[in-house]
Amino acid sequence: MKTLLRIDTSSRTQGSHSRKLADYLEAKWKVLYPSGKVIYRDLVTSVIPHIHNTTIEGFYTPKECMSEETLQSTALSDELIKELSDADEILISSPLYNLNIPSNLKAYIDHVVRINHTFGIREDGSYYGLLRNKNAYLALVKGGTYTGTPMEAYDFQEPYLKAILHHIGIVVKNTFSLEGTSETNILQNNIINIHKQIETIFKN
């Protein structure tokens, strides 16, 4: 039985284009994997705090040397990493905020990108991911049109997510980027096209 971990990040819990896009993708995923299980992690309704000094200290402290305070400060990280480890595939929905991902997703990432848990370092100083055999789907939304325009160089959302997921060993299988959500003259056509892309990927 496949398990999909869905992570939503939009501050809008209603009327969110990224959540709607993830809904559509999830529905197609369920058709392809009717016995599959979906785990939900909403970073708006379940707020992830930014990491603090004690958490960072815990990341670099052997478990047998941890104090009660350090154990508590890394407990959320442990929980989130286990959730990732238990999933076969990951679906991340994200709007573009100020040229990048929402801060709640960055806080989540800071908890799960953890040395000797989700990535390691070789003797030559190079990094390698520890979360193997996992695929990710990115459901990304942008208010404007970036692809093929001068604004494309300012889009750090997609390249950052691909890079950081690769860093911990997760392969981005597909990226579905809905652009122009604030441009009413092209939005509906863009939605139709992105839905067609999803349908192509999730054909039985």
Foldseek 3Di string as FASTA:
>chain_A
DAEEEEEEEDLDPPPDPLVVLVVLLVVLVCVLVVVYHYHYHYCNVVPQDAQDDLQVVLLVDPPVPDDPSSCVSLVVLVVLLVVLLPHQEYEYGAEQDQQAGDVRVVRSLVSPPGEPRQKYADPVGDIAADRENYEYEYRYEYQADQPPDPNVVSRPHVVVVCVSCRRRHYHHPYYQYQYNNNPVVCRVVSVVVSSVVSCVVSPD
